[in-house]
Amino acid sequence: MSRHTTFRYCLDPTAEQSIVLSRHVGAARFAFNQSLHIVKTALARRRVAPDHPVPWSPFDLINAFNAWKKTEAAGRGDDQIVRSVTMPGIGAVRVRNDTRRSTGRR
């Protein structure tokens, strides 16, 4: 017979750690919402074409999300794209995609 114990922790982050945690939570929420959108879109297409694949497994979903990140819809193009992003507490920030980063590992 095994006994399971539960522990409860309370985080007390510094201001800098709090910023990092909020960024992580925001990125996780964005990834979840985008993955949900990918699955819902695939299900809608499957109603029309029953052979259309739906990314059900975690492996397929990761691959679908990574494929989406390289599309124009994710803000990725062949050229460097400059866009304005509004960040809470900071305001509008200009973001430029760096094509050198996507050329491969060194």
N, C-alpha and C. Protein backbone atom coordinates (compact mmCIF):
# COMPACT_ATOMS: atom_id res chain seq x y z
N MET A 1 0.84 -1.16 0.00
CA MET A 1 0.00 0.00 0.00
C MET A 1 0.89 1.24 0.00
N SER A 2 0.57 2.19 -0.88
CA SER A 2 1.37 3.41 -0.97
C SER A 2 0.60 4.60 -0.42
N ARG A 3 1.34 5.53 0.08
CA ARG A 3 0.72 6.73 0.64
C ARG A 3 1.17 7.93 -0.18
N HIS A 4 0.25 8.74 -0.59
CA HIS A 4 0.54 9.94 -1.37
C HIS A 4 0.36 11.17 -0.49
N THR A 5 1.35 12.05 -0.53
CA THR A 5 1.31 13.26 0.28
C THR A 5 1.29 14.47 -0.65
N THR A 6 0.56 15.48 -0.27
CA THR A 6 0.47 16.70 -1.05
C THR A 6 1.19 17.83 -0.30
N PHE A 7 1.92 18.61 -1.06
CA PHE A 7 2.61 19.77 -0.49
C PHE A 7 2.06 21.03 -1.13
N ARG A 8 1.99 22.08 -0.35
CA ARG A 8 1.52 23.36 -0.87
C ARG A 8 2.64 24.38 -0.67
N TYR A 9 2.94 25.12 -1.76
CA TYR A 9 4.00 26.12 -1.71
C TYR A 9 3.42 27.49 -2.02
N CYS A 10 4.00 28.50 -1.46
CA CYS A 10 3.61 29.87 -1.74
C CYS A 10 4.82 30.58 -2.35
N LEU A 11 4.65 31.12 -3.55
CA LEU A 11 5.73 31.84 -4.20
C LEU A 11 5.79 33.27 -3.69
N ASP A 12 6.99 33.74 -3.49
CA ASP A 12 7.21 35.13 -3.08
C ASP A 12 8.31 35.70 -3.98
N PRO A 13 7.97 35.92 -5.27
CA PRO A 13 9.02 36.36 -6.21
C PRO A 13 9.39 37.82 -6.02
N THR A 14 10.62 38.12 -6.41
CA THR A 14 11.06 39.51 -6.44
C THR A 14 10.38 40.19 -7.62
N ALA A 15 10.56 41.48 -7.77
CA ALA A 15 9.93 42.21 -8.88
C ALA A 15 10.43 41.68 -10.22
N GLU A 16 11.74 41.42 -10.30
CA GLU A 16 12.31 40.90 -11.56
C GLU A 16 11.78 39.50 -11.87
N GLN A 17 11.70 38.63 -10.86
CA GLN A 17 11.18 37.29 -11.05
C GLN A 17 9.70 37.32 -11.42
N SER A 18 8.97 38.26 -10.87
CA SER A 18 7.55 38.41 -11.19
C SER A 18 7.35 38.75 -12.66
N ILE A 19 8.21 39.60 -13.19
CA ILE A 19 8.14 39.96 -14.61
C ILE A 19 8.41 38.74 -15.48
N VAL A 20 9.43 37.97 -15.12
CA VAL A 20 9.77 36.77 -15.89
C VAL A 20 8.64 35.75 -15.83
N LEU A 21 8.05 35.56 -14.64
CA LEU A 21 6.94 34.63 -14.50
C LEU A 21 5.74 35.06 -15.34
N SER A 22 5.42 36.37 -15.34
CA SER A 22 4.29 36.83 -16.14
C SER A 22 4.53 36.64 -17.62
N ARG A 23 5.77 36.84 -18.08
CA ARG A 23 6.08 36.61 -19.49
C ARG A 23 5.89 35.14 -19.84
N HIS A 24 6.35 34.27 -18.95
CA HIS A 24 6.21 32.84 -19.20
C HIS A 24 4.75 32.43 -19.26
N VAL A 25 3.95 32.92 -18.33
CA VAL A 25 2.52 32.59 -18.30
C VAL A 25 1.84 33.13 -19.56
N GLY A 26 2.19 34.34 -19.98
CA GLY A 26 1.61 34.90 -21.20
C GLY A 26 1.98 34.10 -22.43
N ALA A 27 3.23 33.65 -22.52
CA ALA A 27 3.67 32.85 -23.66
C ALA A 27 2.97 31.50 -23.66
N ALA A 28 2.81 30.90 -22.48
CA ALA A 28 2.12 29.60 -22.39
C ALA A 28 0.66 29.75 -22.80
N ARG A 29 0.02 30.83 -22.36
CA ARG A 29 -1.38 31.07 -22.72
C ARG A 29 -1.51 31.28 -24.22
N PHE A 30 -0.60 32.04 -24.82
CA PHE A 30 -0.63 32.27 -26.26
C PHE A 30 -0.46 30.96 -27.02
N ALA A 31 0.50 30.12 -26.60
CA ALA A 31 0.74 28.85 -27.27
C ALA A 31 -0.47 27.93 -27.16
N PHE A 32 -1.10 27.90 -25.99
CA PHE A 32 -2.30 27.08 -25.82
C PHE A 32 -3.43 27.56 -26.72
N ASN A 33 -3.68 28.88 -26.73
CA ASN A 33 -4.76 29.42 -27.56
C ASN A 33 -4.50 29.19 -29.05
N GLN A 34 -3.26 29.34 -29.49
CA GLN A 34 -2.94 29.12 -30.90
C GLN A 34 -3.09 27.65 -31.25
N SER A 35 -2.68 26.75 -30.37
CA SER A 35 -2.83 25.32 -30.61
C SER A 35 -4.30 24.94 -30.66
N LEU A 36 -5.10 25.52 -29.79
CA LEU A 36 -6.54 25.28 -29.82
C LEU A 36 -7.14 25.75 -31.13
N HIS A 37 -6.69 26.90 -31.62
CA HIS A 37 -7.16 27.42 -32.91
C HIS A 37 -6.77 26.46 -34.05
N ILE A 38 -5.56 25.91 -34.00
CA ILE A 38 -5.11 24.96 -35.03
C ILE A 38 -6.00 23.73 -35.04
N VAL A 39 -6.33 23.19 -33.86
CA VAL A 39 -7.18 21.99 -33.78
C VAL A 39 -8.59 22.30 -34.24
N LYS A 40 -9.16 23.44 -33.81
CA LYS A 40 -10.52 23.79 -34.23
C LYS A 40 -10.62 24.01 -35.73
N THR A 41 -9.59 24.64 -36.31
CA THR A 41 -9.57 24.83 -37.76
C THR A 41 -9.48 23.49 -38.48
N ALA A 42 -8.66 22.59 -37.98
CA ALA A 42 -8.53 21.27 -38.59
C ALA A 42 -9.83 20.48 -38.49
N LEU A 43 -10.53 20.60 -37.35
CA LEU A 43 -11.82 19.92 -37.20
C LEU A 43 -12.87 20.49 -38.16
N ALA A 44 -12.86 21.80 -38.36
CA ALA A 44 -13.80 22.41 -39.30
C ALA A 44 -13.52 21.94 -40.72
N ARG A 45 -12.24 21.84 -41.08
CA ARG A 45 -11.88 21.35 -42.41
C ARG A 45 -12.22 19.87 -42.56
N ARG A 46 -12.15 19.15 -41.45
CA ARG A 46 -12.46 17.71 -41.50
C ARG A 46 -13.94 17.46 -41.78
N ARG A 47 -14.80 18.39 -41.39
CA ARG A 47 -16.23 18.25 -41.71
C ARG A 47 -16.46 18.27 -43.21
N VAL A 48 -15.66 19.09 -43.91
CA VAL A 48 -15.78 19.21 -45.37
C VAL A 48 -15.05 18.05 -46.04
N ALA A 49 -13.84 17.78 -45.62
CA ALA A 49 -13.03 16.71 -46.20
C ALA A 49 -12.68 15.71 -45.09
N PRO A 50 -13.37 14.58 -45.01
CA PRO A 50 -13.15 13.63 -43.91
C PRO A 50 -11.72 13.09 -43.80
N ASP A 51 -10.92 13.20 -44.85
CA ASP A 51 -9.55 12.71 -44.80
C ASP A 51 -8.56 13.73 -44.26
N HIS A 52 -9.02 14.94 -43.93
CA HIS A 52 -8.12 15.99 -43.44
C HIS A 52 -7.58 15.59 -42.07
N PRO A 53 -6.24 15.65 -41.88
CA PRO A 53 -5.67 15.25 -40.58
C PRO A 53 -5.90 16.29 -39.49
N VAL A 54 -6.09 15.79 -38.27
CA VAL A 54 -6.25 16.66 -37.10
C VAL A 54 -5.10 16.33 -36.14
N PRO A 55 -4.34 17.33 -35.70
CA PRO A 55 -3.21 17.05 -34.80
C PRO A 55 -3.69 16.71 -33.38
N TRP A 56 -3.93 15.43 -33.12
CA TRP A 56 -4.42 15.02 -31.80
C TRP A 56 -3.31 14.75 -30.82
N SER A 57 -2.25 14.09 -31.26
CA SER A 57 -1.19 13.72 -30.31
C SER A 57 -0.34 14.94 -29.99
N PRO A 58 0.30 14.92 -28.83
CA PRO A 58 1.19 16.06 -28.49
C PRO A 58 2.29 16.26 -29.52
N PHE A 59 2.83 15.18 -30.06
CA PHE A 59 3.88 15.27 -31.07
C PHE A 59 3.36 15.98 -32.32
N ASP A 60 2.16 15.59 -32.79
CA ASP A 60 1.58 16.23 -33.98
C ASP A 60 1.25 17.70 -33.71
N LEU A 61 0.77 17.99 -32.51
CA LEU A 61 0.41 19.36 -32.18
C LEU A 61 1.65 20.26 -32.11
N ILE A 62 2.75 19.74 -31.56
CA ILE A 62 4.00 20.50 -31.52
C ILE A 62 4.48 20.78 -32.94
N ASN A 63 4.42 19.77 -33.80
CA ASN A 63 4.84 19.95 -35.19
C ASN A 63 3.96 20.97 -35.91
N ALA A 64 2.64 20.92 -35.67
CA ALA A 64 1.72 21.87 -36.30
C ALA A 64 1.99 23.29 -35.80
N PHE A 65 2.25 23.44 -34.50
CA PHE A 65 2.54 24.76 -33.94
C PHE A 65 3.85 25.30 -34.50
N ASN A 66 4.88 24.46 -34.57
CA ASN A 66 6.16 24.90 -35.13
C ASN A 66 6.04 25.26 -36.61
N ALA A 67 5.21 24.53 -37.35
CA ALA A 67 4.97 24.87 -38.76
C ALA A 67 4.26 26.22 -38.85
N TRP A 68 3.30 26.48 -37.95
CA TRP A 68 2.59 27.76 -37.96
C TRP A 68 3.55 28.91 -37.68
N LYS A 69 4.52 28.71 -36.78
CA LYS A 69 5.45 29.78 -36.42
C LYS A 69 6.26 30.27 -37.61
N LYS A 70 6.39 29.46 -38.65
CA LYS A 70 7.19 29.84 -39.81
C LYS A 70 6.35 30.47 -40.92
N THR A 71 5.06 30.70 -40.68
CA THR A 71 4.17 31.24 -41.71
C THR A 71 4.05 32.75 -41.61
N GLU A 72 3.44 33.33 -42.64
CA GLU A 72 3.16 34.77 -42.66
C GLU A 72 2.19 35.15 -41.54
N ALA A 73 1.26 34.24 -41.19
CA ALA A 73 0.27 34.53 -40.14
C ALA A 73 0.95 34.77 -38.80
N ALA A 74 2.12 34.18 -38.59
CA ALA A 74 2.85 34.37 -37.35
C ALA A 74 3.79 35.57 -37.43
N GLY A 75 3.76 36.28 -38.55
CA GLY A 75 4.61 37.44 -38.70
C GLY A 75 5.97 37.11 -39.27
N ARG A 76 6.11 35.92 -39.82
CA ARG A 76 7.39 35.53 -40.41
C ARG A 76 7.27 35.60 -41.92
N GLY A 77 8.22 36.21 -42.54
CA GLY A 77 8.25 36.28 -43.99
C GLY A 77 9.66 36.09 -44.48
N ASP A 78 9.85 36.22 -45.76
CA ASP A 78 11.19 36.08 -46.31
C ASP A 78 12.05 37.29 -45.96
N ASP A 79 11.45 38.45 -45.90
CA ASP A 79 12.19 39.68 -45.56
C ASP A 79 12.05 39.96 -44.07
N GLN A 80 12.84 40.90 -43.62
CA GLN A 80 12.70 41.32 -42.24
C GLN A 80 11.43 42.14 -42.12
N ILE A 81 10.60 41.77 -41.19
CA ILE A 81 9.32 42.44 -41.00
C ILE A 81 9.42 43.31 -39.75
N VAL A 82 9.06 44.57 -39.90
CA VAL A 82 9.04 45.48 -38.76
C VAL A 82 7.59 45.74 -38.43
N ARG A 83 7.23 45.53 -37.16
CA ARG A 83 5.86 45.75 -36.75
C ARG A 83 5.84 46.39 -35.38
N SER A 84 4.74 46.97 -35.03
CA SER A 84 4.61 47.62 -33.74
C SER A 84 3.80 46.71 -32.83
N VAL A 85 4.29 46.47 -31.63
CA VAL A 85 3.62 45.62 -30.66
C VAL A 85 3.38 46.45 -29.41
N THR A 86 2.17 46.38 -28.87
CA THR A 86 1.86 47.10 -27.64
C THR A 86 2.08 46.17 -26.47
N MET A 87 2.94 46.57 -25.55
CA MET A 87 3.25 45.76 -24.39
C MET A 87 2.71 46.45 -23.15
N PRO A 88 2.06 45.69 -22.25
CA PRO A 88 1.50 46.31 -21.06
C PRO A 88 2.59 46.95 -20.19
N GLY A 89 2.35 48.18 -19.79
CA GLY A 89 3.28 48.89 -18.92
C GLY A 89 4.45 49.51 -19.64
N ILE A 90 4.64 49.18 -20.94
CA ILE A 90 5.78 49.73 -21.68
C ILE A 90 5.29 50.63 -22.81
N GLY A 91 4.22 50.23 -23.48
CA GLY A 91 3.71 50.99 -24.61
C GLY A 91 4.04 50.30 -25.92
N ALA A 92 4.08 51.06 -26.99
CA ALA A 92 4.34 50.49 -28.31
C ALA A 92 5.83 50.27 -28.49
N VAL A 93 6.18 49.10 -28.99
CA VAL A 93 7.58 48.74 -29.22
C VAL A 93 7.69 48.24 -30.65
N ARG A 94 8.73 48.68 -31.33
CA ARG A 94 8.94 48.20 -32.71
C ARG A 94 9.76 46.91 -32.64
N VAL A 95 9.26 45.87 -33.33
CA VAL A 95 9.92 44.57 -33.33
C VAL A 95 10.34 44.24 -34.75
N ARG A 96 11.59 43.79 -34.90
CA ARG A 96 12.09 43.41 -36.21
C ARG A 96 12.55 41.96 -36.15
N ASN A 97 12.07 41.15 -37.11
CA ASN A 97 12.53 39.77 -37.20
C ASN A 97 13.94 39.77 -37.76
N ASP A 98 14.82 39.03 -37.14
CA ASP A 98 16.20 38.95 -37.57
C ASP A 98 16.38 37.71 -38.42
N THR A 99 16.64 37.88 -39.70
CA THR A 99 16.75 36.73 -40.61
C THR A 99 18.01 35.95 -40.34
N ARG A 100 19.03 36.56 -39.73
CA ARG A 100 20.26 35.83 -39.43
C ARG A 100 20.00 34.70 -38.43
N ARG A 101 19.05 34.88 -37.57
CA ARG A 101 18.76 33.88 -36.55
C ARG A 101 18.14 32.64 -37.14
N SER A 102 17.38 32.75 -38.22
CA SER A 102 16.68 31.60 -38.79
C SER A 102 17.48 30.88 -39.86
N THR A 103 18.73 31.24 -40.09
CA THR A 103 19.51 30.61 -41.16
C THR A 103 20.09 29.27 -40.73
N GLY A 104 20.04 28.93 -39.47
CA GLY A 104 20.55 27.64 -39.02
C GLY A 104 21.54 27.81 -37.89
N ARG A 105 21.96 26.69 -37.34
CA ARG A 105 22.90 26.74 -36.23
C ARG A 105 24.32 26.81 -36.72
N ARG A 106 25.17 27.38 -35.91
CA ARG A 106 26.58 27.52 -36.27
C ARG A 106 27.41 26.48 -35.61
